[in-house]
PDB file of N, CA and C in Angstrom:
ATOM      1  N   MET A   1       7.638   2.195 -15.436  1.00  0.00           N
ATOM      2  CA  MET A   1       7.495   3.405 -16.240  1.00  0.00           C
ATOM      3  C   MET A   1       6.602   4.410 -15.512  1.00  0.00           C
ATOM      4  N   ASN A   2       6.975   5.664 -15.586  1.00  0.00           N
ATOM      5  CA  ASN A   2       6.157   6.707 -14.958  1.00  0.00           C
ATOM      6  C   ASN A   2       4.841   6.879 -15.691  1.00  0.00           C
ATOM      7  N   ARG A   3       3.800   7.069 -14.931  1.00  0.00           N
ATOM      8  CA  ARG A   3       2.500   7.342 -15.536  1.00  0.00           C
ATOM      9  C   ARG A   3       2.457   8.807 -15.913  1.00  0.00           C
ATOM     10  N   PRO A   4       1.751   9.135 -16.996  1.00  0.00           N
ATOM     11  CA  PRO A   4       1.695  10.543 -17.396  1.00  0.00           C
ATOM     12  C   PRO A   4       0.906  11.385 -16.391  1.00  0.00           C
ATOM     13  N   LYS A   5       1.285  12.651 -16.316  1.00  0.00           N
ATOM     14  CA  LYS A   5       0.513  13.600 -15.513  1.00  0.00           C
ATOM     15  C   LYS A   5      -0.852  13.762 -16.168  1.00  0.00           C
ATOM     16  N   ILE A   6      -1.793  14.247 -15.383  1.00  0.00           N
ATOM     17  CA  ILE A   6      -3.159  14.438 -15.871  1.00  0.00           C
ATOM     18  C   ILE A   6      -3.556  15.887 -15.619  1.00  0.00           C
ATOM     19  N   ILE A   7      -4.139  16.508 -16.628  1.00  0.00           N
ATOM     20  CA  ILE A   7      -4.689  17.854 -16.457  1.00  0.00           C
ATOM     21  C   ILE A   7      -6.183  17.777 -16.721  1.00  0.00           C
ATOM     22  N   LEU A   8      -6.966  18.284 -15.778  1.00  0.00           N
ATOM     23  CA  LEU A   8      -8.416  18.374 -15.964  1.00  0.00           C
ATOM     24  C   LEU A   8      -8.737  19.764 -16.486  1.00  0.00           C
ATOM     25  N   VAL A   9      -9.453  19.812 -17.607  1.00  0.00           N
ATOM     26  CA  VAL A   9      -9.905  21.069 -18.202  1.00  0.00           C
ATOM     27  C   VAL A   9     -11.406  20.971 -18.444  1.00  0.00           C
ATOM     28  N   GLU A  10     -12.012  22.097 -18.823  1.00  0.00           N
ATOM     29  CA  GLU A  10     -13.452  22.084 -19.039  1.00  0.00           C
ATOM     30  C   GLU A  10     -13.850  21.547 -20.409  1.00  0.00           C
ATOM     31  N   GLY A  11     -13.177  21.984 -21.454  1.00  0.00           N
ATOM     32  CA  GLY A  11     -13.653  21.620 -22.787  1.00  0.00           C
ATOM     33  C   GLY A  11     -12.560  21.253 -23.770  1.00  0.00           C
ATOM     34  N   LYS A  12     -13.003  20.819 -24.967  1.00  0.00           N
ATOM     35  CA  LYS A  12     -12.088  20.359 -26.004  1.00  0.00           C
ATOM     36  C   LYS A  12     -11.142  21.446 -26.484  1.00  0.00           C
ATOM     37  N   THR A  13     -11.619  22.682 -26.568  1.00  0.00           N
ATOM     38  CA  THR A  13     -10.763  23.781 -27.025  1.00  0.00           C
ATOM     39  C   THR A  13      -9.600  23.976 -26.050  1.00  0.00           C
ATOM     40  N   ASP A  14      -9.873  23.874 -24.751  1.00  0.00           N
ATOM     41  CA  ASP A  14      -8.817  23.980 -23.737  1.00  0.00           C
ATOM     42  C   ASP A  14      -7.783  22.869 -23.958  1.00  0.00           C
ATOM     43  N   ARG A  15      -8.272  21.674 -24.190  1.00  0.00           N
ATOM     44  CA  ARG A  15      -7.403  20.510 -24.395  1.00  0.00           C
ATOM     45  C   ARG A  15      -6.497  20.727 -25.601  1.00  0.00           C
ATOM     46  N   VAL A  16      -7.068  21.174 -26.712  1.00  0.00           N
ATOM     47  CA  VAL A  16      -6.305  21.393 -27.941  1.00  0.00           C
ATOM     48  C   VAL A  16      -5.213  22.438 -27.720  1.00  0.00           C
ATOM     49  N   ARG A  17      -5.532  23.522 -27.014  1.00  0.00           N
ATOM     50  CA  ARG A  17      -4.541  24.577 -26.756  1.00  0.00           C
ATOM     51  C   ARG A  17      -3.381  24.052 -25.912  1.00  0.00           C
ATOM     52  N   LEU A  18      -3.672  23.272 -24.894  1.00  0.00           N
ATOM     53  CA  LEU A  18      -2.599  22.744 -24.049  1.00  0.00           C
ATOM     54  C   LEU A  18      -1.723  21.756 -24.815  1.00  0.00           C
ATOM     55  N   LEU A  19      -2.341  20.937 -25.655  1.00  0.00           N
ATOM     56  CA  LEU A  19      -1.568  19.960 -26.433  1.00  0.00           C
ATOM     57  C   LEU A  19      -0.579  20.656 -27.374  1.00  0.00           C
ATOM     58  N   GLN A  20      -0.914  21.869 -27.834  1.00  0.00           N
ATOM     59  CA  GLN A  20      -0.009  22.639 -28.692  1.00  0.00           C
ATOM     60  C   GLN A  20       1.299  22.962 -27.977  1.00  0.00           C
ATOM     61  N   LEU A  21       1.233  23.087 -26.665  1.00  0.00           N
ATOM     62  CA  LEU A  21       2.357  23.589 -25.879  1.00  0.00           C
ATOM     63  C   LEU A  21       3.238  22.508 -25.277  1.00  0.00           C
ATOM     64  N   LEU A  22       2.689  21.347 -25.067  1.00  0.00           N
ATOM     65  CA  LEU A  22       3.366  20.324 -24.265  1.00  0.00           C
ATOM     66  C   LEU A  22       4.314  19.457 -25.085  1.00  0.00           C
ATOM     67  N   ASN A  23       5.491  19.217 -24.519  1.00  0.00           N
ATOM     68  CA  ASN A  23       6.491  18.333 -25.132  1.00  0.00           C
ATOM     69  C   ASN A  23       6.594  17.025 -24.370  1.00  0.00           C
ATOM     70  N   GLU A  24       5.630  16.711 -23.563  1.00  0.00           N
ATOM     71  CA  GLU A  24       5.642  15.448 -22.825  1.00  0.00           C
ATOM     72  C   GLU A  24       4.252  14.835 -22.913  1.00  0.00           C
ATOM     73  N   GLN A  25       4.196  13.537 -22.633  1.00  0.00           N
ATOM     74  CA  GLN A  25       2.919  12.828 -22.639  1.00  0.00           C
ATOM     75  C   GLN A  25       2.109  13.275 -21.425  1.00  0.00           C
ATOM     76  N   VAL A  26       0.949  13.865 -21.668  1.00  0.00           N
ATOM     77  CA  VAL A  26       0.055  14.303 -20.599  1.00  0.00           C
ATOM     78  C   VAL A  26      -1.354  13.875 -20.992  1.00  0.00           C
ATOM     79  N   ASP A  27      -2.074  13.283 -20.064  1.00  0.00           N
ATOM     80  CA  ASP A  27      -3.483  12.959 -20.309  1.00  0.00           C
ATOM     81  C   ASP A  27      -4.302  14.192 -19.951  1.00  0.00           C
ATOM     82  N   ILE A  28      -5.014  14.736 -20.917  1.00  0.00           N
ATOM     83  CA  ILE A  28      -5.853  15.908 -20.673  1.00  0.00           C
ATOM     84  C   ILE A  28      -7.301  15.450 -20.756  1.00  0.00           C
ATOM     85  N   ILE A  29      -7.998  15.577 -19.642  1.00  0.00           N
ATOM     86  CA  ILE A  29      -9.369  15.085 -19.526  1.00  0.00           C
ATOM     87  C   ILE A  29     -10.324  16.263 -19.472  1.00  0.00           C
ATOM     88  N   CYS A  30     -11.323  16.238 -20.340  1.00  0.00           N
ATOM     89  CA  CYS A  30     -12.351  17.287 -20.372  1.00  0.00           C
ATOM     90  C   CYS A  30     -13.499  16.898 -19.446  1.00  0.00           C
ATOM     91  N   THR A  31     -13.908  17.842 -18.596  1.00  0.00           N
ATOM     92  CA  THR A  31     -15.030  17.573 -17.694  1.00  0.00           C
ATOM     93  C   THR A  31     -16.351  18.030 -18.293  1.00  0.00           C
ATOM     94  N   TYR A  32     -16.291  18.946 -19.256  1.00  0.00           N
ATOM     95  CA  TYR A  32     -17.498  19.525 -19.869  1.00  0.00           C
ATOM     96  C   TYR A  32     -18.402  20.158 -18.818  1.00  0.00           C
ATOM     97  N   GLY A  33     -17.791  20.891 -17.893  1.00  0.00           N
ATOM     98  CA  GLY A  33     -18.571  21.594 -16.874  1.00  0.00           C
ATOM     99  C   GLY A  33     -18.592  20.848 -15.552  1.00  0.00           C
ATOM    100  N   THR A  34     -19.534  21.229 -14.702  1.00  0.00           N
ATOM    101  CA  THR A  34     -19.604  20.597 -13.389  1.00  0.00           C
ATOM    102  C   THR A  34     -19.959  19.118 -13.543  1.00  0.00           C
ATOM    103  N   LEU A  35     -19.586  18.362 -12.553  1.00  0.00           N
ATOM    104  CA  LEU A  35     -19.665  16.909 -12.658  1.00  0.00           C
ATOM    105  C   LEU A  35     -20.837  16.343 -11.877  1.00  0.00           C
ATOM    106  N   SER A  36     -21.603  15.500 -12.530  1.00  0.00           N
ATOM    107  CA  SER A  36     -22.671  14.760 -11.847  1.00  0.00           C
ATOM    108  C   SER A  36     -22.025  13.680 -10.987  1.00  0.00           C
ATOM    109  N   ASP A  37     -22.798  13.086 -10.113  1.00  0.00           N
ATOM    110  CA  ASP A  37     -22.280  12.003  -9.273  1.00  0.00           C
ATOM    111  C   ASP A  37     -21.728  10.858 -10.137  1.00  0.00           C
ATOM    112  N   GLU A  38     -22.423  10.563 -11.245  1.00  0.00           N
ATOM    113  CA  GLU A  38     -21.975   9.486 -12.127  1.00  0.00           C
ATOM    114  C   GLU A  38     -20.620   9.827 -12.744  1.00  0.00           C
ATOM    115  N   LYS A  39     -20.463  11.084 -13.191  1.00  0.00           N
ATOM    116  CA  LYS A  39     -19.189  11.501 -13.789  1.00  0.00           C
ATOM    117  C   LYS A  39     -18.064  11.484 -12.754  1.00  0.00           C
ATOM    118  N   VAL A  40     -18.386  11.868 -11.526  1.00  0.00           N
ATOM    119  CA  VAL A  40     -17.365  11.832 -10.472  1.00  0.00           C
ATOM    120  C   VAL A  40     -16.865  10.399 -10.319  1.00  0.00           C
ATOM    121  N   GLU A  41     -17.782   9.457 -10.246  1.00  0.00           N
ATOM    122  CA  GLU A  41     -17.388   8.057 -10.095  1.00  0.00           C
ATOM    123  C   GLU A  41     -16.613   7.558 -11.305  1.00  0.00           C
ATOM    124  N   GLU A  42     -17.070   7.949 -12.488  1.00  0.00           N
ATOM    125  CA  GLU A  42     -16.473   7.462 -13.732  1.00  0.00           C
ATOM    126  C   GLU A  42     -15.111   8.105 -14.013  1.00  0.00           C
ATOM    127  N   ILE A  43     -15.012   9.424 -13.839  1.00  0.00           N
ATOM    128  CA  ILE A  43     -13.813  10.158 -14.240  1.00  0.00           C
ATOM    129  C   ILE A  43     -12.876  10.438 -13.066  1.00  0.00           C
ATOM    130  N   ILE A  44     -13.423  10.925 -11.960  1.00  0.00           N
ATOM    131  CA  ILE A  44     -12.594  11.478 -10.886  1.00  0.00           C
ATOM    132  C   ILE A  44     -12.058  10.414  -9.928  1.00  0.00           C
ATOM    133  N   LEU A  45     -12.889   9.519  -9.471  1.00  0.00           N
ATOM    134  CA  LEU A  45     -12.443   8.527  -8.484  1.00  0.00           C
ATOM    135  C   LEU A  45     -11.224   7.721  -8.932  1.00  0.00           C
ATOM    136  N   PRO A  46     -11.143   7.307 -10.214  1.00  0.00           N
ATOM    137  CA  PRO A  46      -9.946   6.566 -10.630  1.00  0.00           C
ATOM    138  C   PRO A  46      -8.651   7.398 -10.591  1.00  0.00           C
ATOM    139  N   LEU A  47      -8.771   8.717 -10.453  1.00  0.00           N
ATOM    140  CA  LEU A  47      -7.599   9.595 -10.476  1.00  0.00           C
ATOM    141  C   LEU A  47      -7.034   9.900  -9.094  1.00  0.00           C
ATOM    142  N   GLN A  48      -7.636   9.353  -8.046  1.00  0.00           N
ATOM    143  CA  GLN A  48      -7.286   9.742  -6.684  1.00  0.00           C
ATOM    144  C   GLN A  48      -5.805   9.579  -6.347  1.00  0.00           C
ATOM    145  N   ASP A  49      -5.135   8.600  -6.928  1.00  0.00           N
ATOM    146  CA  ASP A  49      -3.728   8.361  -6.611  1.00  0.00           C
ATOM    147  C   ASP A  49      -2.789   8.819  -7.727  1.00  0.00           C
ATOM    148  N   GLU A  50      -3.321   9.576  -8.673  1.00  0.00           N
ATOM    149  CA  GLU A  50      -2.527  10.049  -9.807  1.00  0.00           C
ATOM    150  C   GLU A  50      -2.028  11.470  -9.564  1.00  0.00           C
ATOM    151  N   GLU A  51      -1.088  11.909 -10.417  1.00  0.00           N
ATOM    152  CA  GLU A  51      -0.597  13.286 -10.377  1.00  0.00           C
ATOM    153  C   GLU A  51      -1.533  14.123 -11.244  1.00  0.00           C
ATOM    154  N   VAL A  52      -2.458  14.829 -10.575  1.00  0.00           N
ATOM    155  CA  VAL A  52      -3.528  15.545 -11.279  1.00  0.00           C
ATOM    156  C   VAL A  52      -3.375  17.050 -11.084  1.00  0.00           C
ATOM    157  N   TYR A  53      -3.588  17.774 -12.181  1.00  0.00           N
ATOM    158  CA  TYR A  53      -3.598  19.235 -12.187  1.00  0.00           C
ATOM    159  C   TYR A  53      -4.960  19.686 -12.684  1.00  0.00           C
ATOM    160  N   VAL A  54      -5.418  20.815 -12.168  1.00  0.00           N
ATOM    161  CA  VAL A  54      -6.708  21.372 -12.570  1.00  0.00           C
ATOM    162  C   VAL A  54      -6.450  22.747 -13.181  1.00  0.00           C
ATOM    163  N   LEU A  55      -6.895  22.937 -14.420  1.00  0.00           N
ATOM    164  CA  LEU A  55      -6.779  24.228 -15.092  1.00  0.00           C
ATOM    165  C   LEU A  55      -8.117  24.529 -15.744  1.00  0.00           C
ATOM    166  N   VAL A  56      -8.917  25.342 -15.063  1.00  0.00           N
ATOM    167  CA  VAL A  56     -10.255  25.663 -15.550  1.00  0.00           C
ATOM    168  C   VAL A  56     -10.389  27.176 -15.702  1.00  0.00           C
ATOM    169  N   ASP A  57     -11.480  27.592 -16.326  1.00  0.00           N
ATOM    170  CA  ASP A  57     -11.710  29.007 -16.598  1.00  0.00           C
ATOM    171  C   ASP A  57     -11.821  29.818 -15.312  1.00  0.00           C
ATOM    172  N   ALA A  58     -11.462  31.100 -15.432  1.00  0.00           N
ATOM    173  CA  ALA A  58     -11.560  32.028 -14.293  1.00  0.00           C
ATOM    174  C   ALA A  58     -12.902  32.747 -14.349  1.00  0.00           C
ATOM    175  N   ASP A  59     -13.976  31.971 -14.371  1.00  0.00           N
ATOM    176  CA  ASP A  59     -15.330  32.531 -14.361  1.00  0.00           C
ATOM    177  C   ASP A  59     -16.165  31.747 -13.350  1.00  0.00           C
ATOM    178  N   ASP A  60     -17.434  32.088 -13.238  1.00  0.00           N
ATOM    179  CA  ASP A  60     -18.276  31.441 -12.224  1.00  0.00           C
ATOM    180  C   ASP A  60     -18.345  29.922 -12.406  1.00  0.00           C
ATOM    181  N   ALA A  61     -18.549  29.480 -13.651  1.00  0.00           N
ATOM    182  CA  ALA A  61     -18.651  28.036 -13.903  1.00  0.00           C
ATOM    183  C   ALA A  61     -17.332  27.342 -13.578  1.00  0.00           C
ATOM    184  N   GLY A  62     -16.215  27.954 -13.971  1.00  0.00           N
ATOM    185  CA  GLY A  62     -14.901  27.377 -13.676  1.00  0.00           C
ATOM    186  C   GLY A  62     -14.632  27.325 -12.191  1.00  0.00           C
ATOM    187  N   ASN A  63     -15.005  28.396 -11.476  1.00  0.00           N
ATOM    188  CA  ASN A  63     -14.796  28.422 -10.021  1.00  0.00           C
ATOM    189  C   ASN A  63     -15.641  27.365  -9.321  1.00  0.00           C
ATOM    190  N   LYS A  64     -16.862  27.167  -9.801  1.00  0.00           N
ATOM    191  CA  LYS A  64     -17.742  26.148  -9.219  1.00  0.00           C
ATOM    192  C   LYS A  64     -17.134  24.753  -9.430  1.00  0.00           C
ATOM    193  N   LEU A  65     -16.645  24.502 -10.641  1.00  0.00           N
ATOM    194  CA  LEU A  65     -16.015  23.216 -10.938  1.00  0.00           C
ATOM    195  C   LEU A  65     -14.757  23.033 -10.089  1.00  0.00           C
ATOM    196  N   ARG A  66     -13.950  24.095  -9.960  1.00  0.00           N
ATOM    197  CA  ARG A  66     -12.717  24.018  -9.165  1.00  0.00           C
ATOM    198  C   ARG A  66     -13.040  23.650  -7.710  1.00  0.00           C
ATOM    199  N   GLN A  67     -14.078  24.257  -7.141  1.00  0.00           N
ATOM    200  CA  GLN A  67     -14.463  23.941  -5.756  1.00  0.00           C
ATOM    201  C   GLN A  67     -14.886  22.479  -5.638  1.00  0.00           C
ATOM    202  N   GLN A  68     -15.629  22.010  -6.621  1.00  0.00           N
ATOM    203  CA  GLN A  68     -16.051  20.603  -6.614  1.00  0.00           C
ATOM    204  C   GLN A  68     -14.829  19.681  -6.691  1.00  0.00           C
ATOM    205  N   LEU A  69     -13.872  20.021  -7.549  1.00  0.00           N
ATOM    206  CA  LEU A  69     -12.681  19.186  -7.708  1.00  0.00           C
ATOM    207  C   LEU A  69     -11.783  19.241  -6.475  1.00  0.00           C
ATOM    208  N   LYS A  70     -11.775  20.378  -5.774  1.00  0.00           N
ATOM    209  CA  LYS A  70     -11.005  20.451  -4.525  1.00  0.00           C
ATOM    210  C   LYS A  70     -11.552  19.460  -3.503  1.00  0.00           C
ATOM    211  N   ARG A  71     -12.870  19.274  -3.491  1.00  0.00           N
ATOM    212  CA  ARG A  71     -13.480  18.310  -2.569  1.00  0.00           C
ATOM    213  C   ARG A  71     -13.209  16.872  -3.018  1.00  0.00           C
ATOM    214  N   GLU A  72     -13.381  16.622  -4.321  1.00  0.00           N
ATOM    215  CA  GLU A  72     -13.271  15.248  -4.842  1.00  0.00           C
ATOM    216  C   GLU A  72     -11.825  14.782  -4.987  1.00  0.00           C
ATOM    217  N   LEU A  73     -10.917  15.716  -5.296  1.00  0.00           N
ATOM    218  CA  LEU A  73      -9.498  15.384  -5.500  1.00  0.00           C
ATOM    219  C   LEU A  73      -8.643  16.336  -4.672  1.00  0.00           C
ATOM    220  N   PRO A  74      -8.620  16.165  -3.357  1.00  0.00           N
ATOM    221  CA  PRO A  74      -7.909  17.118  -2.501  1.00  0.00           C
ATOM    222  C   PRO A  74      -6.409  17.200  -2.774  1.00  0.00           C
ATOM    223  N   ASN A  75      -5.824  16.189  -3.389  1.00  0.00           N
ATOM    224  CA  ASN A  75      -4.389  16.207  -3.666  1.00  0.00           C
ATOM    225  C   ASN A  75      -4.025  16.831  -5.003  1.00  0.00           C
ATOM    226  N   ALA A  76      -5.027  17.198  -5.799  1.00  0.00           N
ATOM    227  CA  ALA A  76      -4.750  17.799  -7.106  1.00  0.00           C
ATOM    228  C   ALA A  76      -4.085  19.165  -6.925  1.00  0.00           C
ATOM    229  N   LYS A  77      -3.241  19.504  -7.882  1.00  0.00           N
ATOM    230  CA  LYS A  77      -2.591  20.819  -7.888  1.00  0.00           C
ATOM    231  C   LYS A  77      -3.400  21.729  -8.800  1.00  0.00           C
ATOM    232  N   HIS A  78      -3.662  22.932  -8.331  1.00  0.00           N
ATOM    233  CA  HIS A  78      -4.510  23.855  -9.095  1.00  0.00           C
ATOM    234  C   HIS A  78      -3.669  24.901  -9.801  1.00  0.00           C
ATOM    235  N   LEU A  79      -3.908  25.032 -11.099  1.00  0.00           N
ATOM    236  CA  LEU A  79      -3.254  26.025 -11.930  1.00  0.00           C
ATOM    237  C   LEU A  79      -4.304  27.057 -12.317  1.00  0.00           C
ATOM    238  N   TYR A  80      -3.883  28.307 -12.432  1.00  0.00           N
ATOM    239  CA  TYR A  80      -4.847  29.384 -12.644  1.00  0.00           C
ATOM    240  C   TYR A  80      -4.457  30.252 -13.823  1.00  0.00           C
ATOM    241  N   THR A  81      -5.447  30.550 -14.680  1.00  0.00           N
ATOM    242  CA  THR A  81      -5.256  31.581 -15.682  1.00  0.00           C
ATOM    243  C   THR A  81      -5.653  32.912 -15.037  1.00  0.00           C
ATOM    244  N   ARG A  82      -5.305  33.993 -15.658  1.00  0.00           N
ATOM    245  CA  ARG A  82      -5.653  35.293 -15.096  1.00  0.00           C
ATOM    246  C   ARG A  82      -7.127  35.610 -15.334  1.00  0.00           C
ATOM    247  N   LYS A  83      -7.723  36.333 -14.383  1.00  0.00           N
ATOM    248  CA  LYS A  83      -9.136  36.714 -14.521  1.00  0.00           C
ATOM    249  C   LYS A  83      -9.370  37.533 -15.780  1.00  0.00           C
ATOM    250  N   MET A  84      -8.374  38.337 -16.179  1.00  0.00           N
ATOM    251  CA  MET A  84      -8.546  39.177 -17.371  1.00  0.00           C
ATOM    252  C   MET A  84      -8.717  38.336 -18.646  1.00  0.00           C
ATOM    253  N   TYR A  85      -8.209  37.108 -18.656  1.00  0.00           N
ATOM    254  CA  TYR A  85      -8.374  36.235 -19.824  1.00  0.00           C
ATOM    255  C   TYR A  85      -9.651  35.401 -19.733  1.00  0.00           C
ATOM    256  N   ARG A  86     -10.200  35.280 -18.545  1.00  0.00           N
ATOM    257  CA  ARG A  86     -11.434  34.551 -18.259  1.00  0.00           C
ATOM    258  C   ARG A  86     -11.363  33.057 -18.587  1.00  0.00           C
ATOM    259  N   GLU A  87     -11.103  32.709 -19.834  1.00  0.00           N
ATOM    260  CA  GLU A  87     -11.155  31.309 -20.251  1.00  0.00           C
ATOM    261  C   GLU A  87      -9.769  30.779 -20.603  1.00  0.00           C
ATOM    262  N   VAL A  88      -9.568  29.514 -20.358  1.00  0.00           N
ATOM    263  CA  VAL A  88      -8.321  28.867 -20.775  1.00  0.00           C
ATOM    264  C   VAL A  88      -8.177  29.006 -22.296  1.00  0.00           C
ATOM    265  N   ALA A  89      -9.283  28.834 -23.008  1.00  0.00           N
ATOM    266  CA  ALA A  89      -9.249  28.870 -24.476  1.00  0.00           C
ATOM    267  C   ALA A  89      -8.851  30.237 -25.035  1.00  0.00           C
ATOM    268  N   THR A  90      -9.047  31.311 -24.263  1.00  0.00           N
ATOM    269  CA  THR A  90      -8.691  32.646 -24.751  1.00  0.00           C
ATOM    270  C   THR A  90      -7.434  33.200 -24.082  1.00  0.00           C
ATOM    271  N   THR A  91      -6.797  32.402 -23.250  1.00  0.00           N
ATOM    272  CA  THR A  91      -5.536  32.799 -22.626  1.00  0.00           C
ATOM    273  C   THR A  91      -4.433  32.701 -23.675  1.00  0.00           C
ATOM    274  N   PRO A  92      -3.609  33.734 -23.813  1.00  0.00           N
ATOM    275  CA  PRO A  92      -2.515  33.666 -24.799  1.00  0.00           C
ATOM    276  C   PRO A  92      -1.639  32.442 -24.564  1.00  0.00           C
ATOM    277  N   LEU A  93      -1.189  31.830 -25.658  1.00  0.00           N
ATOM    278  CA  LEU A  93      -0.370  30.623 -25.549  1.00  0.00           C
ATOM    279  C   LEU A  93       0.874  30.850 -24.697  1.00  0.00           C
ATOM    280  N   GLU A  94       1.476  32.034 -24.812  1.00  0.00           N
ATOM    281  CA  GLU A  94       2.679  32.325 -24.031  1.00  0.00           C
ATOM    282  C   GLU A  94       2.386  32.285 -22.527  1.00  0.00           C
ATOM    283  N   HIS A  95       1.209  32.784 -22.140  1.00  0.00           N
ATOM    284  CA  HIS A  95       0.852  32.769 -20.720  1.00  0.00           C
ATOM    285  C   HIS A  95       0.559  31.335 -20.255  1.00  0.00           C
ATOM    286  N   LEU A  96      -0.146  30.568 -21.086  1.00  0.00           N
ATOM    287  CA  LEU A  96      -0.392  29.158 -20.741  1.00  0.00           C
ATOM    288  C   LEU A  96       0.931  28.399 -20.625  1.00  0.00           C
ATOM    289  N   ALA A  97       1.865  28.693 -21.523  1.00  0.00           N
ATOM    290  CA  ALA A  97       3.171  28.034 -21.473  1.00  0.00           C
ATOM    291  C   ALA A  97       3.874  28.343 -20.149  1.00  0.00           C
ATOM    292  N   LYS A  98       3.784  29.587 -19.696  1.00  0.00           N
ATOM    293  CA  LYS A  98       4.412  29.964 -18.427  1.00  0.00           C
ATOM    294  C   LYS A  98       3.752  29.229 -17.261  1.00  0.00           C
ATOM    295  N   ILE A  99       2.418  29.158 -17.258  1.00  0.00           N
ATOM    296  CA  ILE A  99       1.693  28.443 -16.199  1.00  0.00           C
ATOM    297  C   ILE A  99       2.172  26.985 -16.137  1.00  0.00           C
ATOM    298  N   LEU A 100       2.231  26.344 -17.301  1.00  0.00           N
ATOM    299  CA  LEU A 100       2.638  24.938 -17.357  1.00  0.00           C
ATOM    300  C   LEU A 100       4.114  24.767 -16.997  1.00  0.00           C
ATOM    301  N   ASN A 101       4.957  25.646 -17.505  1.00  0.00           N
ATOM    302  CA  ASN A 101       6.390  25.585 -17.208  1.00  0.00           C
ATOM    303  C   ASN A 101       6.638  25.757 -15.705  1.00  0.00           C
ATOM    304  N   ASP A 102       5.940  26.701 -15.101  1.00  0.00           N
ATOM    305  CA  ASP A 102       6.083  26.937 -13.661  1.00  0.00           C
ATOM    306  C   ASP A 102       5.643  25.720 -12.841  1.00  0.00           C
ATOM    307  N   ALA A 103       4.742  24.899 -13.419  1.00  0.00           N
ATOM    308  CA  ALA A 103       4.272  23.678 -12.747  1.00  0.00           C
ATOM    309  C   ALA A 103       5.132  22.464 -13.142  1.00  0.00           C
ATOM    310  N   HIS A 104       6.269  22.733 -13.798  1.00  0.00           N
ATOM    311  CA  HIS A 104       7.251  21.706 -14.147  1.00  0.00           C
ATOM    312  C   HIS A 104       6.795  20.762 -15.247  1.00  0.00           C
ATOM    313  N   PHE A 105       5.986  21.272 -16.173  1.00  0.00           N
ATOM    314  CA  PHE A 105       5.678  20.526 -17.387  1.00  0.00           C
ATOM    315  C   PHE A 105       6.742  20.855 -18.418  1.00  0.00           C
ATOM    316  N   ASP A 106       7.011  19.935 -19.323  1.00  0.00           N
ATOM    317  CA  ASP A 106       7.941  20.166 -20.423  1.00  0.00           C
ATOM    318  C   ASP A 106       7.159  20.866 -21.538  1.00  0.00           C
ATOM    319  N   VAL A 107       7.501  22.148 -21.739  1.00  0.00           N
ATOM    320  CA  VAL A 107       6.743  23.004 -22.659  1.00  0.00           C
ATOM    321  C   VAL A 107       7.619  23.372 -23.852  1.00  0.00           C
ATOM    322  N   ASP A 108       7.015  23.502 -25.021  1.00  0.00           N
ATOM    323  CA  ASP A 108       7.711  23.927 -26.229  1.00  0.00           C
ATOM    324  C   ASP A 108       8.381  25.279 -25.986  1.00  0.00           C
ATOM    325  N   GLU A 109       9.699  25.311 -26.134  1.00  0.00           N
ATOM    326  CA  GLU A 109      10.496  26.502 -25.824  1.00  0.00           C
ATOM    327  C   GLU A 109      10.068  27.752 -26.593  1.00  0.00           C
ATOM    328  N   GLN A 110       9.552  27.580 -27.805  1.00  0.00           N
ATOM    329  CA  GLN A 110       9.208  28.759 -28.616  1.00  0.00           C
ATOM    330  C   GLN A 110       8.177  29.643 -27.931  1.00  0.00           C
ATOM    331  N   TYR A 111       7.348  29.078 -27.072  1.00  0.00           N
ATOM    332  CA  TYR A 111       6.311  29.861 -26.390  1.00  0.00           C
ATOM    333  C   TYR A 111       6.845  30.525 -25.142  1.00  0.00           C
ATOM    334  N   LEU A 112       8.013  30.110 -24.682  1.00  0.00           N
ATOM    335  CA  LEU A 112       8.573  30.685 -23.457  1.00  0.00           C
ATOM    336  C   LEU A 112       9.491  31.868 -23.727  1.00  0.00           C
ATOM    337  N   GLN A 113       9.990  31.990 -24.945  1.00  0.00           N
ATOM    338  CA  GLN A 113      10.957  33.044 -25.248  1.00  0.00           C
ATOM    339  C   GLN A 113      10.405  34.446 -25.020  1.00  0.00           C
ATOM    340  N   ASP A 114       9.150  34.644 -25.306  1.00  0.00           N
ATOM    341  CA  ASP A 114       8.550  35.977 -25.200  1.00  0.00           C
ATOM    342  C   ASP A 114       8.321  36.410 -23.748  1.00  0.00           C
ATOM    343  N   ILE A 115       8.372  35.485 -22.813  1.00  0.00           N
ATOM    344  CA  ILE A 115       8.011  35.854 -21.430  1.00  0.00           C
ATOM    345  C   ILE A 115       9.203  35.821 -20.487  1.00  0.00           C
ATOM    346  N   GLN A 116      10.373  35.523 -21.015  1.00  0.00           N
ATOM    347  CA  GLN A 116      11.566  35.464 -20.141  1.00  0.00           C
ATOM    348  C   GLN A 116      11.916  36.839 -19.610  1.00  0.00           C
TER     349      GLN A 116
END
């Protein structure tokens, strides 16, 4: 059986928004900001051979976390929200759906109709 894809996000609100959109089993892991060495060992190291995506805020804290994750998980695929939305939690659902759809996630069609 295929293992589910994994998306790393910063917080619970980001996780809840993505779960609204997805029609497939995806493990969404919250980092709650930058990662200590202990968190890297606990959360990140077990993901090294998994299909991991990173979707964090387009702000200083998100960029810092993204740089850290690029070092710790060089094979992860990075997804980006627009700078004008700043946070994943404030990105319109239709735009998040497009980001996920473009990355080949199975997304609820109702959110894609407005952006076709």
